[in-house]
Amino acid sequence: MEKSSGAAAAGGRSSTVPPPPPPPPMHMDEFALEGKKPVKNPFVPIGALVTAGVLTAGLISFRYGNSQLGQKLMRARVVAQGATVALMIGSAYYYGDQIKLFKKGSSP
């Protein structure tokens, strides 16, 4: 049994072909969103953390047998979760209108 070389086994070619050059490095400037600023609403992550904290406290209170406190915390979780979703929808609506106005004002 003969051992075949890697090039001959891979493609049946006897000459070696150099690999293609690597692609050029990508820069963050290439990912710009056409002059738009990233929109951030700090209340949404805060609302998510509050929701997660109240949920954790409610589950812990259920674990230790305090069902009345657990029920109150679960109701508070629903309120916090609803407020977070309302903030998400409100900020999307508010910033969506601003982006539309920006596009109208920038066109010639």
C-alpha atoms as a PDB file:
ATOM      1  CA  MET A   1       0.000   0.000   0.000  1.00  0.00           C
ATOM      2  CA  GLU A   2       1.331   3.368  -0.958  1.00  0.00           C
ATOM      3  CA  LYS A   3       0.821   6.524   1.033  1.00  0.00           C
ATOM      4  CA  SER A   4      -0.613   9.267  -1.125  1.00  0.00           C
ATOM      5  CA  SER A   5       0.218  12.894  -0.619  1.00  0.00           C
ATOM      6  CA  GLY A   6      -2.439  15.265   0.756  1.00  0.00           C
ATOM      7  CA  ALA A   7      -2.734  17.261  -2.475  1.00  0.00           C
ATOM      8  CA  ALA A   8      -3.138  14.207  -4.650  1.00  0.00           C
ATOM      9  CA  ALA A   9      -5.733  12.695  -2.330  1.00  0.00           C
ATOM     10  CA  ALA A  10      -7.705  15.911  -1.978  1.00  0.00           C
ATOM     11  CA  GLY A  11      -8.052  16.975  -5.555  1.00  0.00           C
ATOM     12  CA  GLY A  12      -5.988  14.655  -7.658  1.00  0.00           C
ATOM     13  CA  ARG A  13      -3.634  17.482  -8.617  1.00  0.00           C
ATOM     14  CA  SER A  14       0.061  17.064  -8.298  1.00  0.00           C
ATOM     15  CA  SER A  15       0.877  20.779  -8.021  1.00  0.00           C
ATOM     16  CA  THR A  16       0.058  22.692  -4.868  1.00  0.00           C
ATOM     17  CA  VAL A  17      -2.267  25.688  -5.111  1.00  0.00           C
ATOM     18  CA  PRO A  18      -1.817  28.456  -2.524  1.00  0.00           C
ATOM     19  CA  PRO A  19      -4.863  29.216  -0.412  1.00  0.00           C
ATOM     20  CA  PRO A  20      -6.848  32.346  -1.265  1.00  0.00           C
ATOM     21  CA  PRO A  21      -5.844  35.507   0.608  1.00  0.00           C
ATOM     22  CA  PRO A  22      -7.826  36.363   3.745  1.00  0.00           C
ATOM     23  CA  PRO A  23     -10.582  38.969   3.439  1.00  0.00           C
ATOM     24  CA  PRO A  24      -9.695  42.529   4.422  1.00  0.00           C
ATOM     25  CA  PRO A  25     -10.431  43.456   8.042  1.00  0.00           C
ATOM     26  CA  MET A  26     -13.836  44.978   8.692  1.00  0.00           C
ATOM     27  CA  HIS A  27     -14.038  48.327  10.443  1.00  0.00           C
ATOM     28  CA  MET A  28     -16.917  49.638  12.536  1.00  0.00           C
ATOM     29  CA  ASP A  29     -17.304  52.559  10.108  1.00  0.00           C
ATOM     30  CA  GLU A  30     -18.662  50.133   7.522  1.00  0.00           C
ATOM     31  CA  PHE A  31     -21.568  49.292   9.833  1.00  0.00           C
ATOM     32  CA  ALA A  32     -22.852  52.860  10.161  1.00  0.00           C
ATOM     33  CA  LEU A  33     -26.628  53.155   9.974  1.00  0.00           C
ATOM     34  CA  GLU A  34     -26.838  56.014   7.492  1.00  0.00           C
ATOM     35  CA  GLY A  35     -26.297  58.787  10.015  1.00  0.00           C
ATOM     36  CA  LYS A  36     -28.765  57.448  12.600  1.00  0.00           C
ATOM     37  CA  LYS A  37     -27.854  57.544  16.249  1.00  0.00           C
ATOM     38  CA  PRO A  38     -28.441  54.349  18.187  1.00  0.00           C
ATOM     39  CA  VAL A  39     -31.594  54.792  20.249  1.00  0.00           C
ATOM     40  CA  LYS A  40     -31.323  53.674  23.835  1.00  0.00           C
ATOM     41  CA  ASN A  41     -33.968  53.773  26.513  1.00  0.00           C
ATOM     42  CA  PRO A  42     -32.415  53.137  29.939  1.00  0.00           C
ATOM     43  CA  PHE A  43     -35.806  52.435  31.519  1.00  0.00           C
ATOM     44  CA  VAL A  44     -36.338  49.195  29.581  1.00  0.00           C
ATOM     45  CA  PRO A  45     -33.314  47.327  31.020  1.00  0.00           C
ATOM     46  CA  ILE A  46     -34.134  48.731  34.457  1.00  0.00           C
ATOM     47  CA  GLY A  47     -37.706  47.473  34.105  1.00  0.00           C
ATOM     48  CA  ALA A  48     -36.451  44.058  33.025  1.00  0.00           C
ATOM     49  CA  LEU A  49     -34.156  43.860  36.060  1.00  0.00           C
ATOM     50  CA  VAL A  50     -36.974  44.916  38.388  1.00  0.00           C
ATOM     51  CA  THR A  51     -39.235  42.277  36.849  1.00  0.00           C
ATOM     52  CA  ALA A  52     -36.574  39.592  37.258  1.00  0.00           C
ATOM     53  CA  GLY A  53     -35.882  40.667  40.850  1.00  0.00           C
ATOM     54  CA  VAL A  54     -39.547  40.599  41.852  1.00  0.00           C
ATOM     55  CA  LEU A  55     -39.961  37.213  40.145  1.00  0.00           C
ATOM     56  CA  THR A  56     -36.961  35.816  42.031  1.00  0.00           C
ATOM     57  CA  ALA A  57     -38.224  37.173  45.350  1.00  0.00           C
ATOM     58  CA  GLY A  58     -41.672  35.690  44.678  1.00  0.00           C
ATOM     59  CA  LEU A  59     -40.263  32.272  43.863  1.00  0.00           C
ATOM     60  CA  ILE A  60     -38.093  32.348  46.989  1.00  0.00           C
ATOM     61  CA  SER A  61     -41.095  33.282  49.136  1.00  0.00           C
ATOM     62  CA  PHE A  62     -43.077  30.386  47.635  1.00  0.00           C
ATOM     63  CA  ARG A  63     -40.156  28.076  48.353  1.00  0.00           C
ATOM     64  CA  TYR A  64     -40.163  29.046  52.036  1.00  0.00           C
ATOM     65  CA  GLY A  65     -43.944  28.598  52.289  1.00  0.00           C
ATOM     66  CA  ASN A  66     -45.044  32.244  52.478  1.00  0.00           C
ATOM     67  CA  SER A  67     -47.750  32.016  49.832  1.00  0.00           C
ATOM     68  CA  GLN A  68     -49.447  35.348  50.665  1.00  0.00           C
ATOM     69  CA  LEU A  69     -46.243  37.295  50.089  1.00  0.00           C
ATOM     70  CA  GLY A  70     -45.545  35.191  46.998  1.00  0.00           C
ATOM     71  CA  GLN A  71     -48.936  36.083  45.521  1.00  0.00           C
ATOM     72  CA  LYS A  72     -48.358  39.795  46.163  1.00  0.00           C
ATOM     73  CA  LEU A  73     -44.937  39.590  44.543  1.00  0.00           C
ATOM     74  CA  MET A  74     -46.337  37.759  41.520  1.00  0.00           C
ATOM     75  CA  ARG A  75     -48.936  40.503  41.097  1.00  0.00           C
ATOM     76  CA  ALA A  76     -46.188  43.092  41.407  1.00  0.00           C
ATOM     77  CA  ARG A  77     -44.213  41.172  38.768  1.00  0.00           C
ATOM     78  CA  VAL A  78     -47.146  41.408  36.359  1.00  0.00           C
ATOM     79  CA  VAL A  79     -47.361  45.159  36.948  1.00  0.00           C
ATOM     80  CA  ALA A  80     -43.596  45.601  36.463  1.00  0.00           C
ATOM     81  CA  GLN A  81     -43.647  43.465  33.334  1.00  0.00           C
ATOM     82  CA  GLY A  82     -46.574  45.428  31.916  1.00  0.00           C
ATOM     83  CA  ALA A  83     -44.818  48.708  32.636  1.00  0.00           C
ATOM     84  CA  THR A  84     -41.687  47.453  30.888  1.00  0.00           C
ATOM     85  CA  VAL A  85     -43.640  46.414  27.799  1.00  0.00           C
ATOM     86  CA  ALA A  86     -45.450  49.770  27.811  1.00  0.00           C
ATOM     87  CA  LEU A  87     -42.075  51.555  27.942  1.00  0.00           C
ATOM     88  CA  MET A  88     -40.817  49.472  25.034  1.00  0.00           C
ATOM     89  CA  ILE A  89     -43.871  50.249  22.916  1.00  0.00           C
ATOM     90  CA  GLY A  90     -43.870  53.918  23.912  1.00  0.00           C
ATOM     91  CA  SER A  91     -40.190  54.420  23.156  1.00  0.00           C
ATOM     92  CA  ALA A  92     -40.518  52.616  19.811  1.00  0.00           C
ATOM     93  CA  TYR A  93     -43.442  54.858  18.894  1.00  0.00           C
ATOM     94  CA  TYR A  94     -41.683  58.025  20.094  1.00  0.00           C
ATOM     95  CA  TYR A  95     -38.343  57.316  18.430  1.00  0.00           C
ATOM     96  CA  GLY A  96     -40.044  55.920  15.343  1.00  0.00           C
ATOM     97  CA  ASP A  97     -41.745  59.264  14.753  1.00  0.00           C
ATOM     98  CA  GLN A  98     -38.438  61.072  15.213  1.00  0.00           C
ATOM     99  CA  ILE A  99     -36.715  58.856  12.647  1.00  0.00           C
ATOM    100  CA  LYS A 100     -39.537  59.471  10.150  1.00  0.00           C
ATOM    101  CA  LEU A 101     -39.229  63.228  10.674  1.00  0.00           C
ATOM    102  CA  PHE A 102     -35.448  62.964  10.287  1.00  0.00           C
ATOM    103  CA  LYS A 103     -35.860  61.159   6.968  1.00  0.00           C
ATOM    104  CA  LYS A 104     -38.389  63.719   5.695  1.00  0.00           C
ATOM    105  CA  GLY A 105     -36.162  66.641   6.656  1.00  0.00           C
ATOM    106  CA  SER A 106     -33.012  65.203   5.117  1.00  0.00           C
ATOM    107  CA  SER A 107     -34.429  64.505   1.643  1.00  0.00           C
ATOM    108  CA  PRO A 108     -33.911  67.280  -0.940  1.00  0.00           C
END
